[in-house]
Amino acid sequence: MGKRGPQPKRIINETWSANLAYAIGLIATDGCLANDGLLIDLTSKDREQLLNFSKCVGVDFKVGSKWNVKGDEYLRIQFKNRFFYDFLLSIGLTPKKSLTMGKIKISNKYFFDFLRGCFDGDGCFYSYWDPRWRSSHMFYLEFVSGSKKHINWLQQELENKIKVKGHITTAFKKNGYYQLKYAKKEAMEIIKKMYYNPNVICLSRKRIKIGKALEIEKKQQQKYLVK
């Protein structure tokens, strides 16, 4: 009999935890599953994002680089592991997921850790002073996906869990995508759930941006109370 080749090893613990759920959120947005059934790719401009992923899954992955057609550099982690690849398939991720992804089977206990990963991957937060009203500070929290099924699922999950509705808009430029947006009051409810602990793993630049807007909001509320 010939020698058997090396057997695949389980390199990532697939037991649900806050860190694993966050890592899944990153893959669901910034990640890619190759068609070979083995390769997993996570790409970002933020090194911190990739280091956070490594920390969450407990593997010290090498961070490499790639360039797009415009010559812009991106950072990425690539690794092959059949066990983790199959796990991702089992919870709803797929190759070419950006257009086909729907429901992700996330443990309810860690849904908002997953959501924070999605936000750090493809979400955004912006604030501004509305010129239509004096001293009106507005802000929005937004989640983005190329899959209508997935964005509809996210909206429904958030409504079921914390009674926020949000609204979905579409942006069809070169590649169409869907935006799930939440204005101030609802955004604050989601933020409280995503950042339930000051030590949660997250992309610091987004958390800082949110913190600055919430500080402005706090000062505005105090001003009204004084009046």
Protein backbone atom coordinates (compact mmCIF):
# COMPACT_ATOMS: atom_id res chain seq x y z
CA MET A 1 0.00 0.00 0.00
CA GLY A 2 1.23 3.54 -0.79
CA LYS A 3 1.79 6.13 1.84
CA ARG A 4 -1.17 8.26 2.78
CA GLY A 5 -0.77 12.01 2.39
CA PRO A 6 -1.00 14.40 5.31
CA GLN A 7 -4.44 14.48 6.89
CA PRO A 8 -6.26 17.83 7.24
CA LYS A 9 -6.15 19.40 10.67
CA ARG A 10 -8.71 21.51 12.49
CA ILE A 11 -6.87 24.79 13.11
CA ILE A 12 -9.82 26.90 14.32
CA ASN A 13 -12.16 26.10 17.18
CA GLU A 14 -15.69 26.21 15.75
CA THR A 15 -17.40 26.39 19.15
CA TRP A 16 -19.55 29.52 19.22
CA SER A 17 -18.10 32.48 21.11
CA ALA A 18 -18.18 36.26 20.85
CA ASN A 19 -14.82 36.24 19.06
CA LEU A 20 -15.81 33.56 16.54
CA ALA A 21 -19.08 35.37 15.75
CA TYR A 22 -17.17 38.62 15.16
CA ALA A 23 -14.71 36.80 12.87
CA ILE A 24 -17.63 35.32 10.89
CA GLY A 25 -19.01 38.84 10.45
CA LEU A 26 -15.70 39.92 8.93
CA ILE A 27 -15.68 36.97 6.54
CA ALA A 28 -19.32 37.59 5.60
CA THR A 29 -18.39 41.10 4.45
CA ASP A 30 -14.66 41.34 3.63
CA GLY A 31 -14.02 37.64 3.05
CA CYS A 32 -14.15 35.29 0.10
CA LEU A 33 -14.45 31.52 -0.25
CA ALA A 34 -12.68 30.08 -3.29
CA ASN A 35 -14.35 27.41 -5.40
CA ASP A 36 -11.71 24.81 -4.49
CA GLY A 37 -13.36 23.97 -1.17
CA LEU A 38 -10.27 24.94 0.80
CA LEU A 39 -9.12 28.55 0.36
CA ILE A 40 -10.45 31.37 2.53
CA ASP A 41 -9.43 34.98 1.83
CA LEU A 42 -9.94 38.04 4.00
CA THR A 43 -9.02 41.40 2.45
CA SER A 44 -8.94 44.85 4.06
CA LYS A 45 -7.15 48.17 3.94
CA ASP A 46 -6.95 48.07 7.74
CA ARG A 47 -4.15 45.97 9.21
CA GLU A 48 -5.95 46.15 12.55
CA GLN A 49 -8.91 44.36 10.94
CA LEU A 50 -6.76 41.41 9.93
CA LEU A 51 -4.96 41.29 13.26
CA ASN A 52 -8.34 41.28 14.99
CA PHE A 53 -9.40 38.32 12.85
CA SER A 54 -6.26 36.39 13.76
CA LYS A 55 -6.84 37.13 17.44
CA CYS A 56 -10.46 36.04 17.28
CA VAL A 57 -9.73 32.66 15.67
CA GLY A 58 -6.55 32.06 17.66
CA VAL A 59 -4.19 31.68 14.70
CA ASP A 60 -1.24 33.97 13.95
CA PHE A 61 -1.83 34.37 10.22
CA LYS A 62 0.67 36.10 7.96
CA VAL A 63 -0.63 39.38 6.52
CA GLY A 64 0.20 39.73 2.83
CA SER A 65 -0.54 42.33 0.16
CA LYS A 66 -2.34 42.53 -3.16
CA TRP A 67 -3.02 45.33 -5.64
CA ASN A 68 -6.11 46.17 -7.66
CA VAL A 69 -6.11 47.29 -11.30
CA LYS A 70 -5.65 50.92 -10.19
CA GLY A 71 -2.51 50.02 -8.28
CA ASP A 72 -4.08 50.46 -4.83
CA GLU A 73 -2.59 48.20 -2.18
CA TYR A 74 -4.81 46.02 0.01
CA LEU A 75 -3.83 43.75 2.86
CA ARG A 76 -5.04 40.18 3.10
CA ILE A 77 -4.95 36.89 4.93
CA GLN A 78 -5.23 33.68 2.94
CA PHE A 79 -5.35 30.17 4.32
CA LYS A 80 -6.58 26.72 3.39
CA ASN A 81 -8.50 24.54 5.81
CA ARG A 82 -11.22 22.10 4.85
CA PHE A 83 -12.73 21.92 8.34
CA PHE A 84 -13.27 25.66 8.67
CA TYR A 85 -14.32 26.02 5.02
CA ASP A 86 -17.00 23.34 5.51
CA PHE A 87 -18.09 25.03 8.74
CA LEU A 88 -18.58 28.31 6.88
CA LEU A 89 -20.66 26.53 4.23
CA SER A 90 -22.77 24.90 6.95
CA ILE A 91 -23.80 28.27 8.41
CA GLY A 92 -24.73 29.86 5.10
CA LEU A 93 -21.63 31.37 3.50
CA THR A 94 -20.91 30.41 -0.10
CA PRO A 95 -18.39 31.07 -2.87
CA LYS A 96 -19.38 34.31 -4.67
CA LYS A 97 -21.31 35.08 -1.47
CA SER A 98 -21.70 38.80 -2.17
CA LEU A 99 -24.60 38.10 -4.55
CA THR A 100 -26.00 34.86 -3.15
CA MET A 101 -25.72 35.05 0.63
CA GLY A 102 -28.93 34.93 2.67
CA LYS A 103 -29.46 33.92 6.28
CA ILE A 104 -26.37 33.18 8.37
CA LYS A 105 -26.87 30.61 11.13
CA ILE A 106 -25.41 32.58 14.02
CA SER A 107 -25.97 31.66 17.65
CA ASN A 108 -28.55 34.13 19.04
CA LYS A 109 -26.31 34.76 22.02
CA TYR A 110 -23.59 36.18 19.77
CA PHE A 111 -25.65 37.85 17.04
CA PHE A 112 -24.48 41.37 17.91
CA ASP A 113 -20.84 40.27 17.89
CA PHE A 114 -21.46 38.98 14.36
CA LEU A 115 -23.20 42.26 13.48
CA ARG A 116 -20.23 44.25 14.78
CA GLY A 117 -17.99 42.22 12.49
CA CYS A 118 -20.32 42.99 9.56
CA PHE A 119 -20.24 46.67 10.47
CA ASP A 120 -16.44 46.73 10.69
CA GLY A 121 -16.25 44.92 7.36
CA ASP A 122 -18.76 46.73 5.13
CA GLY A 123 -20.68 49.10 7.37
CA CYS A 124 -20.35 52.83 7.87
CA PHE A 125 -21.35 55.55 10.29
CA TYR A 126 -21.74 59.22 9.47
CA SER A 127 -23.00 62.30 11.27
CA TYR A 128 -23.75 65.89 10.32
CA TRP A 129 -25.52 69.06 11.38
CA ASP A 130 -28.84 69.33 9.59
CA PRO A 131 -29.12 72.89 8.20
CA ARG A 132 -32.91 72.72 8.16
CA TRP A 133 -33.12 72.94 11.95
CA ARG A 134 -31.04 74.92 14.38
CA SER A 135 -28.55 72.82 16.33
CA SER A 136 -29.86 69.57 14.84
CA HIS A 137 -27.20 66.89 15.01
CA MET A 138 -27.99 63.79 12.94
CA PHE A 139 -26.25 60.46 12.49
CA TYR A 140 -26.82 57.19 10.66
CA LEU A 141 -25.59 53.63 11.02
CA GLU A 142 -25.41 51.64 7.80
CA PHE A 143 -24.86 48.04 6.73
CA VAL A 144 -24.06 47.16 3.12
CA SER A 145 -24.41 44.00 1.03
CA GLY A 146 -24.59 43.00 -2.62
CA SER A 147 -27.21 40.40 -1.69
CA LYS A 148 -30.79 41.53 -1.26
CA LYS A 149 -31.64 38.30 0.58
CA HIS A 150 -28.92 38.94 3.13
CA ILE A 151 -29.78 42.58 3.75
CA ASN A 152 -33.47 41.66 4.15
CA TRP A 153 -32.49 38.99 6.67
CA LEU A 154 -30.38 41.45 8.67
CA GLN A 155 -33.23 43.94 8.78
CA GLN A 156 -35.68 41.27 9.96
CA GLU A 157 -33.31 39.95 12.63
CA LEU A 158 -32.77 43.42 14.07
CA GLU A 159 -36.49 44.13 14.09
CA ASN A 160 -37.19 40.83 15.84
CA LYS A 161 -34.46 41.29 18.43
CA ILE A 162 -34.63 44.98 19.38
CA LYS A 163 -37.67 46.38 17.52
CA VAL A 164 -35.78 48.65 15.11
CA LYS A 165 -37.02 48.92 11.53
CA GLY A 166 -34.48 50.90 9.51
CA HIS A 167 -34.90 51.25 5.77
CA ILE A 168 -33.22 49.76 2.71
CA THR A 169 -31.94 51.79 -0.21
CA THR A 170 -30.19 50.66 -3.37
CA ALA A 171 -27.10 52.03 -5.06
CA PHE A 172 -26.58 50.88 -8.62
CA LYS A 173 -23.40 52.34 -9.99
CA LYS A 174 -20.97 49.88 -11.54
CA ASN A 175 -21.88 47.09 -9.12
CA GLY A 176 -25.24 47.25 -7.40
CA TYR A 177 -25.49 46.96 -3.63
CA TYR A 178 -28.05 47.43 -0.88
CA GLN A 179 -27.80 49.74 2.13
CA LEU A 180 -29.63 49.09 5.38
CA LYS A 181 -29.77 52.40 7.26
CA TYR A 182 -30.77 53.34 10.79
CA ALA A 183 -31.22 56.94 11.92
CA LYS A 184 -30.29 58.38 15.29
CA LYS A 185 -32.70 56.78 17.78
CA GLU A 186 -32.59 53.30 16.24
CA ALA A 187 -28.86 53.58 15.54
CA MET A 188 -28.21 54.21 19.22
CA GLU A 189 -30.07 51.02 20.16
CA ILE A 190 -27.91 48.98 17.78
CA ILE A 191 -24.70 50.68 18.93
CA LYS A 192 -25.47 49.81 22.56
CA LYS A 193 -25.89 46.17 21.59
CA MET A 194 -22.80 45.97 19.38
CA TYR A 195 -20.50 47.73 21.87
CA TYR A 196 -21.98 46.16 25.00
CA ASN A 197 -18.56 46.05 26.64
CA PRO A 198 -15.67 48.56 26.35
CA ASN A 199 -13.30 45.66 25.71
CA VAL A 200 -15.06 44.07 22.72
CA ILE A 201 -12.85 43.48 19.70
CA CYS A 202 -13.59 46.02 16.98
CA LEU A 203 -12.06 48.31 14.38
CA SER A 204 -10.94 51.23 16.53
CA ARG A 205 -11.31 53.98 13.92
CA LYS A 206 -15.03 53.23 13.53
CA ARG A 207 -15.61 53.04 17.24
CA ILE A 208 -13.80 56.36 17.76
CA LYS A 209 -15.94 57.98 15.06
CA ILE A 210 -19.12 56.76 16.75
CA GLY A 211 -17.85 57.89 20.14
CA LYS A 212 -17.27 61.43 18.92
CA ALA A 213 -20.79 61.65 17.51
CA LEU A 214 -22.31 60.29 20.71
CA GLU A 215 -20.34 62.82 22.74
CA ILE A 216 -21.79 65.65 20.63
CA GLU A 217 -25.25 64.18 21.12
CA LYS A 218 -24.72 63.99 24.88
CA LYS A 219 -23.71 67.67 25.01
CA GLN A 220 -26.74 68.63 22.95
CA GLN A 221 -29.06 66.78 25.32
CA GLN A 222 -27.45 68.45 28.33
CA LYS A 223 -27.92 71.84 26.69
CA TYR A 224 -31.61 71.19 26.25
CA LEU A 225 -31.96 70.09 29.87
CA VAL A 226 -30.34 73.31 31.08
CA LYS A 227 -32.77 75.35 29.04
